[in-house]
């Protein structure tokens, strides 16, 4: 995606790191196996997490090294919380948890009605202390944007204040819908693709991420 096209969305960051783009190309390939697809989603999510967490607040902490006492830095506040949108978002949790093993994990259950293309929610569970936590919503695909908007709205209703949205592939229509509804939510993606087709799938996209992760059709 040309850089000038992504600039139409001021709160969108497209991560163009060569390793991310290399793995994304493998992820898109229809011949990639379910096993390799899962591994690639994990690896891309981990690489993207570095960028997503670069501005987390820190605080000083005194420690003893083997040689002397010093003041280091640690992430401030309550534990970071990952919130995958079920089911495809689950594929991104492990990669980020390897990087941030202390992260809490909440869950938002939604599916897209194939006729109306609107989200249908069926589950919501997050850790307490919502106002003091940083939340990262995880979903490999930001397509129509309906599930993304509903997920952010649900977190806000529960009291969350600091929310970021992390996806691997996005469509301009979905990004616009999310940022029109929640303009202050930073959105991170590895690719801003061309458009949606008539069934609401991203083009060129990577197909149905949930089916490819779990081997279902």
C-alpha atoms as a PDB file:
ATOM      1  CA  UNK A   1       0.000   0.000   0.000  1.00  0.00           C
ATOM      2  CA  UNK A   2       1.528   3.372  -1.027  1.00  0.00           C
ATOM      3  CA  UNK A   3       2.389   5.532   1.979  1.00  0.00           C
ATOM      4  CA  UNK A   4       0.294   8.471   0.740  1.00  0.00           C
ATOM      5  CA  UNK A   5      -2.890   6.392   0.864  1.00  0.00           C
ATOM      6  CA  UNK A   6      -2.406   5.484   4.521  1.00  0.00           C
ATOM      7  CA  UNK A   7      -2.024   9.188   5.369  1.00  0.00           C
ATOM      8  CA  UNK A   8      -5.759   9.712   4.850  1.00  0.00           C
ATOM      9  CA  UNK A   9      -6.146   8.139   8.310  1.00  0.00           C
ATOM     10  CA  UNK A  10      -4.151  10.235  10.833  1.00  0.00           C
ATOM     11  CA  UNK A  11      -4.459   7.681  13.658  1.00  0.00           C
ATOM     12  CA  UNK A  12      -3.439   4.691  11.505  1.00  0.00           C
ATOM     13  CA  UNK A  13       0.095   3.244  11.573  1.00  0.00           C
ATOM     14  CA  UNK A  14       1.101   0.852   8.789  1.00  0.00           C
ATOM     15  CA  UNK A  15       4.097  -1.203   9.917  1.00  0.00           C
ATOM     16  CA  UNK A  16       6.382  -1.699   6.939  1.00  0.00           C
ATOM     17  CA  UNK A  17       9.270  -3.515   8.629  1.00  0.00           C
ATOM     18  CA  UNK A  18      10.875  -5.945   6.130  1.00  0.00           C
ATOM     19  CA  UNK A  19      10.427  -8.966   8.421  1.00  0.00           C
ATOM     20  CA  UNK A  20       6.742  -8.197   8.911  1.00  0.00           C
ATOM     21  CA  UNK A  21       6.193  -7.739   5.178  1.00  0.00           C
ATOM     22  CA  UNK A  22       8.092 -10.941   4.348  1.00  0.00           C
ATOM     23  CA  UNK A  23       6.000 -12.999   6.771  1.00  0.00           C
ATOM     24  CA  UNK A  24       2.811 -11.295   5.589  1.00  0.00           C
ATOM     25  CA  UNK A  25       3.510 -12.412   2.019  1.00  0.00           C
ATOM     26  CA  UNK A  26       3.833 -16.014   3.218  1.00  0.00           C
ATOM     27  CA  UNK A  27       0.647 -15.600   5.261  1.00  0.00           C
ATOM     28  CA  UNK A  28      -1.331 -14.452   2.210  1.00  0.00           C
ATOM     29  CA  UNK A  29      -0.242 -17.411   0.076  1.00  0.00           C
ATOM     30  CA  UNK A  30      -3.171 -19.816  -0.356  1.00  0.00           C
ATOM     31  CA  UNK A  31      -0.782 -22.786  -0.276  1.00  0.00           C
ATOM     32  CA  UNK A  32       0.403 -21.987   3.282  1.00  0.00           C
ATOM     33  CA  UNK A  33      -0.594 -24.821   5.619  1.00  0.00           C
ATOM     34  CA  UNK A  34      -2.708 -24.372   8.755  1.00  0.00           C
ATOM     35  CA  UNK A  35       0.336 -25.101  10.915  1.00  0.00           C
ATOM     36  CA  UNK A  36       2.481 -22.501   9.151  1.00  0.00           C
ATOM     37  CA  UNK A  37      -0.385 -19.999   9.086  1.00  0.00           C
ATOM     38  CA  UNK A  38      -0.680 -20.203  12.886  1.00  0.00           C
ATOM     39  CA  UNK A  39       3.060 -19.763  13.324  1.00  0.00           C
ATOM     40  CA  UNK A  40       3.181 -16.782  10.975  1.00  0.00           C
ATOM     41  CA  UNK A  41       0.287 -15.047  12.750  1.00  0.00           C
ATOM     42  CA  UNK A  42       2.123 -15.518  16.061  1.00  0.00           C
ATOM     43  CA  UNK A  43       5.386 -14.159  14.662  1.00  0.00           C
ATOM     44  CA  UNK A  44       3.797 -11.147  12.956  1.00  0.00           C
ATOM     45  CA  UNK A  45       1.831 -10.271  16.105  1.00  0.00           C
ATOM     46  CA  UNK A  46       5.022 -10.424  18.181  1.00  0.00           C
ATOM     47  CA  UNK A  47       6.916  -8.177  15.767  1.00  0.00           C
ATOM     48  CA  UNK A  48       4.043  -5.689  15.645  1.00  0.00           C
ATOM     49  CA  UNK A  49       3.825  -5.589  19.455  1.00  0.00           C
ATOM     50  CA  UNK A  50       7.152  -3.751  19.656  1.00  0.00           C
ATOM     51  CA  UNK A  51       5.649  -0.807  17.787  1.00  0.00           C
ATOM     52  CA  UNK A  52       2.285  -0.917  19.535  1.00  0.00           C
ATOM     53  CA  UNK A  53       3.847  -0.766  23.014  1.00  0.00           C
ATOM     54  CA  UNK A  54       6.591   1.778  22.352  1.00  0.00           C
ATOM     55  CA  UNK A  55       4.853   4.590  24.250  1.00  0.00           C
ATOM     56  CA  UNK A  56       3.643   2.699  27.326  1.00  0.00           C
ATOM     57  CA  UNK A  57       4.197   4.687  30.500  1.00  0.00           C
ATOM     58  CA  UNK A  58       7.158   3.637  32.652  1.00  0.00           C
ATOM     59  CA  UNK A  59       8.245   4.311  36.217  1.00  0.00           C
ATOM     60  CA  UNK A  60      11.589   4.054  38.030  1.00  0.00           C
ATOM     61  CA  UNK A  61      12.413   1.001  40.140  1.00  0.00           C
ATOM     62  CA  UNK A  62      15.475   0.363  42.329  1.00  0.00           C
ATOM     63  CA  UNK A  63      17.205  -2.996  41.859  1.00  0.00           C
ATOM     64  CA  UNK A  64      20.452  -4.709  42.802  1.00  0.00           C
ATOM     65  CA  UNK A  65      22.631  -5.910  39.937  1.00  0.00           C
ATOM     66  CA  UNK A  66      25.380  -8.470  40.668  1.00  0.00           C
ATOM     67  CA  UNK A  67      27.747  -5.494  41.071  1.00  0.00           C
ATOM     68  CA  UNK A  68      25.821  -2.520  42.436  1.00  0.00           C
ATOM     69  CA  UNK A  69      22.482  -0.854  43.105  1.00  0.00           C
ATOM     70  CA  UNK A  70      20.822   1.037  40.264  1.00  0.00           C
ATOM     71  CA  UNK A  71      17.534   2.599  39.153  1.00  0.00           C
ATOM     72  CA  UNK A  72      15.900   0.968  36.159  1.00  0.00           C
ATOM     73  CA  UNK A  73      12.556   1.416  34.387  1.00  0.00           C
ATOM     74  CA  UNK A  74       9.476  -0.782  34.397  1.00  0.00           C
ATOM     75  CA  UNK A  75       6.057  -0.472  32.787  1.00  0.00           C
ATOM     76  CA  UNK A  76       3.828   1.577  35.079  1.00  0.00           C
ATOM     77  CA  UNK A  77       0.298   0.859  36.219  1.00  0.00           C
ATOM     78  CA  UNK A  78      -1.736  -2.331  36.052  1.00  0.00           C
ATOM     79  CA  UNK A  79      -0.767  -5.167  33.727  1.00  0.00           C
ATOM     80  CA  UNK A  80      -1.291  -4.692  29.996  1.00  0.00           C
ATOM     81  CA  UNK A  81      -4.402  -6.520  28.789  1.00  0.00           C
ATOM     82  CA  UNK A  82      -4.735  -8.305  25.452  1.00  0.00           C
ATOM     83  CA  UNK A  83      -8.306  -8.627  24.187  1.00  0.00           C
ATOM     84  CA  UNK A  84      -8.697 -10.972  21.215  1.00  0.00           C
ATOM     85  CA  UNK A  85     -11.949 -10.842  19.286  1.00  0.00           C
ATOM     86  CA  UNK A  86     -13.037 -14.480  19.137  1.00  0.00           C
ATOM     87  CA  UNK A  87     -12.204 -16.552  17.357  1.00  0.00           C
ATOM     88  CA  UNK A  88      -9.500 -15.351  14.957  1.00  0.00           C
ATOM     89  CA  UNK A  89      -7.984 -12.933  17.477  1.00  0.00           C
ATOM     90  CA  UNK A  90      -6.886 -15.897  19.582  1.00  0.00           C
ATOM     91  CA  UNK A  91      -4.197 -16.632  17.005  1.00  0.00           C
ATOM     92  CA  UNK A  92      -2.377 -13.399  17.913  1.00  0.00           C
ATOM     93  CA  UNK A  93      -2.296 -13.841  21.687  1.00  0.00           C
ATOM     94  CA  UNK A  94       0.532 -16.344  22.059  1.00  0.00           C
ATOM     95  CA  UNK A  95       3.035 -14.345  20.020  1.00  0.00           C
ATOM     96  CA  UNK A  96       2.504 -11.191  22.086  1.00  0.00           C
ATOM     97  CA  UNK A  97       2.363 -13.150  25.354  1.00  0.00           C
ATOM     98  CA  UNK A  98       5.823 -14.527  24.616  1.00  0.00           C
ATOM     99  CA  UNK A  99       7.019 -10.926  24.505  1.00  0.00           C
ATOM    100  CA  UNK A 100       4.912  -9.767  27.478  1.00  0.00           C
ATOM    101  CA  UNK A 101       4.279 -12.880  29.615  1.00  0.00           C
ATOM    102  CA  UNK A 102       2.730 -10.849  32.442  1.00  0.00           C
ATOM    103  CA  UNK A 103      -0.063  -9.523  30.196  1.00  0.00           C
ATOM    104  CA  UNK A 104      -3.625 -10.311  31.210  1.00  0.00           C
ATOM    105  CA  UNK A 105      -6.029 -11.670  28.603  1.00  0.00           C
ATOM    106  CA  UNK A 106      -9.689 -10.725  28.206  1.00  0.00           C
ATOM    107  CA  UNK A 107     -12.067 -12.022  25.544  1.00  0.00           C
ATOM    108  CA  UNK A 108     -14.751 -10.502  23.339  1.00  0.00           C
ATOM    109  CA  UNK A 109     -16.933 -12.974  21.456  1.00  0.00           C
ATOM    110  CA  UNK A 110     -18.376 -11.727  18.160  1.00  0.00           C
ATOM    111  CA  UNK A 111     -19.194 -13.107  14.761  1.00  0.00           C
ATOM    112  CA  UNK A 112     -20.221 -11.404  11.559  1.00  0.00           C
ATOM    113  CA  UNK A 113     -23.675 -12.164  10.196  1.00  0.00           C
ATOM    114  CA  UNK A 114     -23.012 -13.223   6.604  1.00  0.00           C
ATOM    115  CA  UNK A 115     -26.232 -11.642   5.322  1.00  0.00           C
ATOM    116  CA  UNK A 116     -26.196  -8.249   7.048  1.00  0.00           C
ATOM    117  CA  UNK A 117     -22.381  -8.134   7.560  1.00  0.00           C
ATOM    118  CA  UNK A 118     -23.131  -6.737  11.043  1.00  0.00           C
ATOM    119  CA  UNK A 119     -21.433  -8.009  14.234  1.00  0.00           C
ATOM    120  CA  UNK A 120     -23.311 -10.253  16.649  1.00  0.00           C
ATOM    121  CA  UNK A 121     -21.849 -10.323  20.179  1.00  0.00           C
ATOM    122  CA  UNK A 122     -22.114 -13.317  22.474  1.00  0.00           C
ATOM    123  CA  UNK A 123     -19.344 -13.025  25.120  1.00  0.00           C
ATOM    124  CA  UNK A 124     -17.472 -10.328  27.067  1.00  0.00           C
ATOM    125  CA  UNK A 125     -14.967 -10.888  29.888  1.00  0.00           C
ATOM    126  CA  UNK A 126     -12.057  -8.637  30.887  1.00  0.00           C
ATOM    127  CA  UNK A 127      -9.929  -8.147  34.040  1.00  0.00           C
ATOM    128  CA  UNK A 128     -10.972  -5.600  36.646  1.00  0.00           C
ATOM    129  CA  UNK A 129      -9.377  -2.185  37.086  1.00  0.00           C
ATOM    130  CA  UNK A 130     -10.434  -1.156  33.606  1.00  0.00           C
ATOM    131  CA  UNK A 131      -9.765   2.558  34.040  1.00  0.00           C
ATOM    132  CA  UNK A 132      -6.103   1.963  34.911  1.00  0.00           C
ATOM    133  CA  UNK A 133      -5.225  -0.594  32.237  1.00  0.00           C
ATOM    134  CA  UNK A 134      -3.900  -0.364  28.696  1.00  0.00           C
ATOM    135  CA  UNK A 135      -5.968  -2.580  26.390  1.00  0.00           C
ATOM    136  CA  UNK A 136      -4.902  -3.947  23.005  1.00  0.00           C
ATOM    137  CA  UNK A 137      -7.720  -5.385  20.905  1.00  0.00           C
ATOM    138  CA  UNK A 138      -6.496  -8.158  18.607  1.00  0.00           C
ATOM    139  CA  UNK A 139      -8.074  -9.257  15.315  1.00  0.00           C
ATOM    140  CA  UNK A 140      -6.131 -10.385  12.238  1.00  0.00           C
ATOM    141  CA  UNK A 141      -8.592  -8.680   9.884  1.00  0.00           C
ATOM    142  CA  UNK A 142     -10.154  -5.207   9.984  1.00  0.00           C
ATOM    143  CA  UNK A 143     -12.664  -5.608   7.153  1.00  0.00           C
ATOM    144  CA  UNK A 144     -16.040  -3.857   7.410  1.00  0.00           C
ATOM    145  CA  UNK A 145     -15.076  -2.435  10.809  1.00  0.00           C
ATOM    146  CA  UNK A 146     -18.306  -3.498  12.489  1.00  0.00           C
ATOM    147  CA  UNK A 147     -16.714  -5.887  14.982  1.00  0.00           C
ATOM    148  CA  UNK A 148     -13.906  -3.426  15.720  1.00  0.00           C
ATOM    149  CA  UNK A 149     -16.325  -0.607  16.508  1.00  0.00           C
ATOM    150  CA  UNK A 150     -18.463  -2.918  18.665  1.00  0.00           C
ATOM    151  CA  UNK A 151     -15.405  -4.197  20.566  1.00  0.00           C
ATOM    152  CA  UNK A 152     -14.095  -0.703  21.335  1.00  0.00           C
ATOM    153  CA  UNK A 153     -17.590   0.426  22.334  1.00  0.00           C
ATOM    154  CA  UNK A 154     -17.950  -2.547  24.707  1.00  0.00           C
ATOM    155  CA  UNK A 155     -14.599  -1.812  26.357  1.00  0.00           C
ATOM    156  CA  UNK A 156     -15.484   1.856  26.733  1.00  0.00           C
ATOM    157  CA  UNK A 157     -18.815   0.932  28.264  1.00  0.00           C
ATOM    158  CA  UNK A 158     -16.951  -1.228  30.791  1.00  0.00           C
ATOM    159  CA  UNK A 159     -14.762   1.733  31.794  1.00  0.00           C
ATOM    160  CA  UNK A 160     -11.634   1.295  29.655  1.00  0.00           C
ATOM    161  CA  UNK A 161      -9.910   4.542  28.718  1.00  0.00           C
ATOM    162  CA  UNK A 162      -6.687   3.524  26.944  1.00  0.00           C
ATOM    163  CA  UNK A 163      -7.409   1.277  23.960  1.00  0.00           C
ATOM    164  CA  UNK A 164      -5.358   0.344  20.896  1.00  0.00           C
ATOM    165  CA  UNK A 165      -6.417  -1.808  17.956  1.00  0.00           C
ATOM    166  CA  UNK A 166      -3.965  -4.242  16.360  1.00  0.00           C
ATOM    167  CA  UNK A 167      -4.715  -6.086  13.112  1.00  0.00           C
ATOM    168  CA  UNK A 168      -2.590  -7.707  10.423  1.00  0.00           C
ATOM    169  CA  UNK A 169      -4.569  -6.776   7.291  1.00  0.00           C
ATOM    170  CA  UNK A 170      -7.073  -3.949   6.989  1.00  0.00           C
ATOM    171  CA  UNK A 171      -9.391  -2.416   4.392  1.00  0.00           C
ATOM    172  CA  UNK A 172      -9.871   1.352   3.999  1.00  0.00           C
ATOM    173  CA  UNK A 173     -13.606   0.943   4.617  1.00  0.00           C
ATOM    174  CA  UNK A 174     -13.005  -0.739   7.965  1.00  0.00           C
ATOM    175  CA  UNK A 175     -10.358   1.720   9.117  1.00  0.00           C
ATOM    176  CA  UNK A 176     -12.627   4.641   8.244  1.00  0.00           C
ATOM    177  CA  UNK A 177     -15.592   3.141  10.089  1.00  0.00           C
ATOM    178  CA  UNK A 178     -13.531   2.478  13.218  1.00  0.00           C
ATOM    179  CA  UNK A 179     -11.889   5.911  13.290  1.00  0.00           C
ATOM    180  CA  UNK A 180     -15.150   7.701  12.477  1.00  0.00           C
ATOM    181  CA  UNK A 181     -16.647   6.070  15.569  1.00  0.00           C
ATOM    182  CA  UNK A 182     -13.560   6.229  17.825  1.00  0.00           C
ATOM    183  CA  UNK A 183     -11.120   8.776  16.418  1.00  0.00           C
ATOM    184  CA  UNK A 184      -8.804   8.605  19.449  1.00  0.00           C
ATOM    185  CA  UNK A 185      -8.059   4.866  19.168  1.00  0.00           C
ATOM    186  CA  UNK A 186      -4.639   4.188  17.589  1.00  0.00           C
ATOM    187  CA  UNK A 187      -4.884   1.544  14.867  1.00  0.00           C
ATOM    188  CA  UNK A 188      -1.866  -0.564  13.859  1.00  0.00           C
ATOM    189  CA  UNK A 189      -1.791  -2.774  10.777  1.00  0.00           C
ATOM    190  CA  UNK A 190       0.774  -4.579   8.649  1.00  0.00           C
ATOM    191  CA  UNK A 191      -1.139  -3.779   5.443  1.00  0.00           C
ATOM    192  CA  UNK A 192      -3.833  -1.398   4.253  1.00  0.00           C
ATOM    193  CA  UNK A 193      -5.289  -3.345   1.343  1.00  0.00           C
ATOM    194  CA  UNK A 194      -7.252  -2.136  -1.663  1.00  0.00           C
ATOM    195  CA  UNK A 195     -10.937  -2.662  -0.826  1.00  0.00           C
ATOM    196  CA  UNK A 196     -13.703  -5.039   0.237  1.00  0.00           C
ATOM    197  CA  UNK A 197     -15.537  -7.318  -2.164  1.00  0.00           C
ATOM    198  CA  UNK A 198     -19.331  -7.704  -2.257  1.00  0.00           C
ATOM    199  CA  UNK A 199     -19.185 -10.308   0.535  1.00  0.00           C
ATOM    200  CA  UNK A 200     -17.169  -8.073   2.852  1.00  0.00           C
ATOM    201  CA  UNK A 201     -13.821  -9.851   2.360  1.00  0.00           C
ATOM    202  CA  UNK A 202     -10.612  -7.829   2.037  1.00  0.00           C
ATOM    203  CA  UNK A 203      -8.907  -7.696  -1.387  1.00  0.00           C
ATOM    204  CA  UNK A 204      -6.248  -8.937  -1.903  1.00  0.00           C
ATOM    205  CA  UNK A 205      -6.488  -9.967   1.774  1.00  0.00           C
ATOM    206  CA  UNK A 206      -5.667 -13.450   2.998  1.00  0.00           C
ATOM    207  CA  UNK A 207      -9.055 -15.179   3.038  1.00  0.00           C
ATOM    208  CA  UNK A 208     -10.953 -16.076   6.205  1.00  0.00           C
ATOM    209  CA  UNK A 209      -8.350 -15.837   8.993  1.00  0.00           C
ATOM    210  CA  UNK A 210     -10.399 -17.931  11.414  1.00  0.00           C
ATOM    211  CA  UNK A 211     -10.846 -20.764   8.947  1.00  0.00           C
ATOM    212  CA  UNK A 212      -7.180 -20.726   8.007  1.00  0.00           C
ATOM    213  CA  UNK A 213      -6.070 -20.663  11.652  1.00  0.00           C
ATOM    214  CA  UNK A 214      -8.262 -23.519  12.806  1.00  0.00           C
ATOM    215  CA  UNK A 215      -8.530 -25.584   9.635  1.00  0.00           C
ATOM    216  CA  UNK A 216     -12.295 -25.101   9.205  1.00  0.00           C
ATOM    217  CA  UNK A 217     -14.288 -24.200   6.113  1.00  0.00           C
END
